[in-house]
Amino acid sequence: MRGRTARTARAAVAAREADVIVLGCTGMLGVAAALQERLAAEGPFVPVVDPTGAAIMWLESQVRLGVRPSRATYLPPRPKDRIA
């Protein structure tokens, strides 16, 4: 998997189609770092983002900033009649 991913990423960078690589759905620890090192060894530095780590960091920053979802778009549910 790493070989094919590295070849695809390198080709996108060489064709000037990408200046950052964002991995899709990978929970494998260390893949992003390994790919980033491999690409840097073979050419210019290109950041590689692990979506799992990025999502966790984004969530942490939202909590620290006290940001919560807008209620303008996501309205609370309407009250419902409860039957006992």
N, C-alpha and C. Protein backbone atom coordinates (compact mmCIF):
# COMPACT_ATOMS: atom_id res chain seq x y z
N MET A 1 0.81 -1.19 0.00
CA MET A 1 0.00 0.00 0.00
C MET A 1 0.86 1.26 0.00
N ARG A 2 1.89 1.25 0.80
CA ARG A 2 2.74 2.44 0.87
C ARG A 2 3.43 2.74 -0.45
N GLY A 3 3.84 1.70 -1.17
CA GLY A 3 4.52 1.89 -2.44
C GLY A 3 3.62 2.55 -3.47
N ARG A 4 2.40 2.06 -3.59
CA ARG A 4 1.45 2.62 -4.55
C ARG A 4 1.07 4.04 -4.13
N THR A 5 0.86 4.25 -2.84
CA THR A 5 0.50 5.59 -2.35
C THR A 5 1.63 6.57 -2.62
N ALA A 6 2.86 6.15 -2.39
CA ALA A 6 4.02 7.02 -2.63
C ALA A 6 4.15 7.34 -4.11
N ARG A 7 3.98 6.35 -4.97
CA ARG A 7 4.07 6.59 -6.42
C ARG A 7 2.99 7.56 -6.88
N THR A 8 1.78 7.38 -6.41
CA THR A 8 0.67 8.25 -6.80
C THR A 8 0.89 9.67 -6.30
N ALA A 9 1.33 9.80 -5.06
CA ALA A 9 1.59 11.12 -4.48
C ALA A 9 2.74 11.81 -5.21
N ARG A 10 3.80 11.08 -5.48
CA ARG A 10 4.95 11.65 -6.18
C ARG A 10 4.56 12.12 -7.57
N ALA A 11 3.72 11.34 -8.27
CA ALA A 11 3.27 11.71 -9.61
C ALA A 11 2.42 12.99 -9.56
N ALA A 12 1.56 13.11 -8.56
CA ALA A 12 0.72 14.31 -8.44
C ALA A 12 1.57 15.54 -8.16
N VAL A 13 2.57 15.40 -7.32
CA VAL A 13 3.47 16.52 -7.02
C VAL A 13 4.30 16.88 -8.25
N ALA A 14 4.82 15.88 -8.93
CA ALA A 14 5.65 16.13 -10.13
C ALA A 14 4.84 16.81 -11.23
N ALA A 15 3.57 16.48 -11.34
CA ALA A 15 2.71 17.09 -12.36
C ALA A 15 2.16 18.44 -11.90
N ARG A 16 2.59 18.88 -10.74
CA ARG A 16 2.15 20.15 -10.15
C ARG A 16 0.63 20.19 -9.95
N GLU A 17 0.09 19.02 -9.62
CA GLU A 17 -1.33 18.91 -9.33
C GLU A 17 -1.61 18.91 -7.83
N ALA A 18 -0.56 18.81 -7.02
CA ALA A 18 -0.74 18.77 -5.56
C ALA A 18 0.46 19.40 -4.88
N ASP A 19 0.20 20.15 -3.81
CA ASP A 19 1.30 20.66 -2.98
C ASP A 19 1.14 20.19 -1.54
N VAL A 20 0.11 19.40 -1.30
CA VAL A 20 -0.10 18.72 -0.02
C VAL A 20 -0.86 17.43 -0.33
N ILE A 21 -0.57 16.39 0.42
CA ILE A 21 -1.25 15.11 0.25
C ILE A 21 -2.11 14.88 1.48
N VAL A 22 -3.39 14.64 1.27
CA VAL A 22 -4.30 14.31 2.36
C VAL A 22 -4.74 12.87 2.16
N LEU A 23 -4.37 12.03 3.10
CA LEU A 23 -4.73 10.62 2.98
C LEU A 23 -6.22 10.45 3.21
N GLY A 24 -6.81 9.50 2.57
CA GLY A 24 -8.23 9.22 2.73
C GLY A 24 -8.44 8.00 3.60
N CYS A 25 -9.16 8.17 4.67
CA CYS A 25 -9.59 7.08 5.53
C CYS A 25 -8.47 6.10 5.87
N THR A 26 -7.50 6.58 6.60
CA THR A 26 -6.44 5.68 7.05
C THR A 26 -6.27 5.81 8.55
N GLY A 27 -6.46 4.74 9.23
CA GLY A 27 -6.27 4.73 10.67
C GLY A 27 -4.96 4.07 11.04
N MET A 28 -4.12 3.81 10.04
CA MET A 28 -2.87 3.12 10.30
C MET A 28 -1.83 4.10 10.84
N LEU A 29 -1.43 3.86 12.05
CA LEU A 29 -0.49 4.72 12.73
C LEU A 29 0.84 4.79 11.98
N GLY A 30 1.30 6.01 11.72
CA GLY A 30 2.61 6.21 11.14
C GLY A 30 2.66 6.27 9.62
N VAL A 31 1.56 6.00 8.94
CA VAL A 31 1.59 5.99 7.47
C VAL A 31 1.87 7.39 6.94
N ALA A 32 1.21 8.41 7.48
CA ALA A 32 1.41 9.78 7.01
C ALA A 32 2.85 10.21 7.20
N ALA A 33 3.41 9.96 8.37
CA ALA A 33 4.80 10.35 8.65
C ALA A 33 5.77 9.60 7.73
N ALA A 34 5.54 8.31 7.55
CA ALA A 34 6.43 7.52 6.68
C ALA A 34 6.36 8.01 5.24
N LEU A 35 5.16 8.30 4.76
CA LEU A 35 5.01 8.79 3.39
C LEU A 35 5.65 10.16 3.23
N GLN A 36 5.48 11.02 4.21
CA GLN A 36 6.08 12.36 4.16
C GLN A 36 7.61 12.26 4.10
N GLU A 37 8.18 11.39 4.91
CA GLU A 37 9.64 11.20 4.90
C GLU A 37 10.11 10.65 3.55
N ARG A 38 9.37 9.69 3.03
CA ARG A 38 9.75 9.08 1.75
C ARG A 38 9.70 10.10 0.62
N LEU A 39 8.65 10.90 0.58
CA LEU A 39 8.55 11.92 -0.46
C LEU A 39 9.65 12.96 -0.32
N ALA A 40 9.97 13.37 0.92
CA ALA A 40 11.02 14.37 1.15
C ALA A 40 12.39 13.83 0.73
N ALA A 41 12.60 12.54 0.91
CA ALA A 41 13.88 11.94 0.53
C ALA A 41 14.07 11.90 -0.98
N GLU A 42 12.95 11.90 -1.70
CA GLU A 42 13.01 11.76 -3.16
C GLU A 42 12.74 13.07 -3.91
N GLY A 43 12.47 14.14 -3.20
CA GLY A 43 12.15 15.40 -3.87
C GLY A 43 11.85 16.49 -2.85
N PRO A 44 11.09 17.49 -3.25
CA PRO A 44 10.79 18.60 -2.34
C PRO A 44 9.88 18.14 -1.19
N PHE A 45 9.95 18.87 -0.09
CA PHE A 45 9.09 18.56 1.06
C PHE A 45 7.63 18.80 0.68
N VAL A 46 6.81 17.82 0.97
CA VAL A 46 5.37 17.91 0.73
C VAL A 46 4.68 17.44 2.02
N PRO A 47 3.83 18.29 2.62
CA PRO A 47 3.14 17.83 3.83
C PRO A 47 2.15 16.72 3.50
N VAL A 48 2.06 15.76 4.40
CA VAL A 48 1.10 14.66 4.27
C VAL A 48 0.22 14.69 5.51
N VAL A 49 -1.09 14.76 5.31
CA VAL A 49 -2.04 14.91 6.41
C VAL A 49 -2.80 13.61 6.62
N ASP A 50 -2.83 13.16 7.86
CA ASP A 50 -3.64 12.01 8.25
C ASP A 50 -5.01 12.56 8.65
N PRO A 51 -6.10 12.16 7.99
CA PRO A 51 -7.40 12.74 8.28
C PRO A 51 -7.89 12.48 9.70
N THR A 52 -7.50 11.35 10.29
CA THR A 52 -7.93 11.06 11.66
C THR A 52 -7.31 12.06 12.62
N GLY A 53 -6.01 12.26 12.52
CA GLY A 53 -5.34 13.23 13.38
C GLY A 53 -5.83 14.64 13.15
N ALA A 54 -6.07 15.00 11.89
CA ALA A 54 -6.56 16.34 11.57
C ALA A 54 -7.94 16.58 12.18
N ALA A 55 -8.80 15.59 12.12
CA ALA A 55 -10.15 15.73 12.67
C ALA A 55 -10.11 15.87 14.18
N ILE A 56 -9.25 15.11 14.84
CA ILE A 56 -9.14 15.20 16.30
C ILE A 56 -8.59 16.56 16.70
N MET A 57 -7.56 17.03 16.01
CA MET A 57 -7.00 18.35 16.33
C MET A 57 -8.01 19.46 16.09
N TRP A 58 -8.81 19.35 15.02
CA TRP A 58 -9.84 20.35 14.74
C TRP A 58 -10.86 20.36 15.87
N LEU A 59 -11.30 19.18 16.30
CA LEU A 59 -12.28 19.10 17.38
C LEU A 59 -11.72 19.68 18.67
N GLU A 60 -10.47 19.36 18.99
CA GLU A 60 -9.84 19.92 20.20
C GLU A 60 -9.79 21.44 20.14
N SER A 61 -9.45 21.99 18.99
CA SER A 61 -9.36 23.45 18.88
C SER A 61 -10.74 24.09 19.03
N GLN A 62 -11.78 23.45 18.51
CA GLN A 62 -13.13 23.99 18.66
C GLN A 62 -13.56 24.00 20.13
N VAL A 63 -13.22 22.95 20.85
CA VAL A 63 -13.55 22.88 22.28
C VAL A 63 -12.79 23.95 23.04
N ARG A 64 -11.50 24.09 22.79
CA ARG A 64 -10.69 25.10 23.49
C ARG A 64 -11.17 26.52 23.21
N LEU A 65 -11.64 26.76 21.98
CA LEU A 65 -12.13 28.09 21.63
C LEU A 65 -13.57 28.32 22.08
N GLY A 66 -14.22 27.30 22.56
CA GLY A 66 -15.61 27.43 22.98
C GLY A 66 -16.58 27.55 21.83
N VAL A 67 -16.18 27.05 20.66
CA VAL A 67 -17.03 27.13 19.48
C VAL A 67 -17.95 25.93 19.46
N ARG A 68 -19.20 26.17 19.10
CA ARG A 68 -20.15 25.07 18.96
C ARG A 68 -20.92 25.26 17.66
N PRO A 69 -21.61 24.23 17.20
CA PRO A 69 -22.32 24.34 15.92
C PRO A 69 -23.37 25.43 15.94
N SER A 70 -23.55 26.06 14.80
CA SER A 70 -24.55 27.11 14.64
C SER A 70 -25.94 26.52 14.74
N ARG A 71 -26.83 27.23 15.40
CA ARG A 71 -28.22 26.81 15.46
C ARG A 71 -29.03 27.44 14.34
N ALA A 72 -28.41 28.28 13.53
CA ALA A 72 -29.10 28.87 12.39
C ALA A 72 -29.32 27.81 11.31
N THR A 73 -28.39 26.91 11.18
CA THR A 73 -28.50 25.86 10.17
C THR A 73 -29.08 24.59 10.75
N TYR A 74 -28.62 24.24 11.93
CA TYR A 74 -29.07 23.00 12.57
C TYR A 74 -30.00 23.37 13.72
N LEU A 75 -31.26 23.55 13.41
CA LEU A 75 -32.24 23.94 14.42
C LEU A 75 -32.52 22.78 15.37
N PRO A 76 -32.87 23.10 16.62
CA PRO A 76 -33.21 22.02 17.54
C PRO A 76 -34.51 21.33 17.09
N PRO A 77 -34.69 20.09 17.46
CA PRO A 77 -35.91 19.40 17.04
C PRO A 77 -37.16 20.03 17.65
N ARG A 78 -38.27 19.92 16.95
CA ARG A 78 -39.54 20.44 17.48
C ARG A 78 -39.98 19.62 18.68
N PRO A 79 -40.70 20.24 19.60
CA PRO A 79 -41.23 19.48 20.74
C PRO A 79 -42.17 18.38 20.27
N LYS A 80 -42.14 17.27 20.96
CA LYS A 80 -42.99 16.14 20.61
C LYS A 80 -43.94 15.83 21.74
N ASP A 81 -45.14 15.41 21.39
CA ASP A 81 -46.09 14.95 22.41
C ASP A 81 -45.66 13.60 22.89
N ARG A 82 -45.52 13.44 24.18
CA ARG A 82 -45.10 12.16 24.76
C ARG A 82 -46.33 11.39 25.23
N ILE A 83 -46.37 10.14 24.91
CA ILE A 83 -47.46 9.29 25.34
C ILE A 83 -46.90 8.38 26.42
N ALA A 84 -47.54 8.44 27.60
CA ALA A 84 -47.05 7.64 28.73
C ALA A 84 -47.49 6.22 28.67
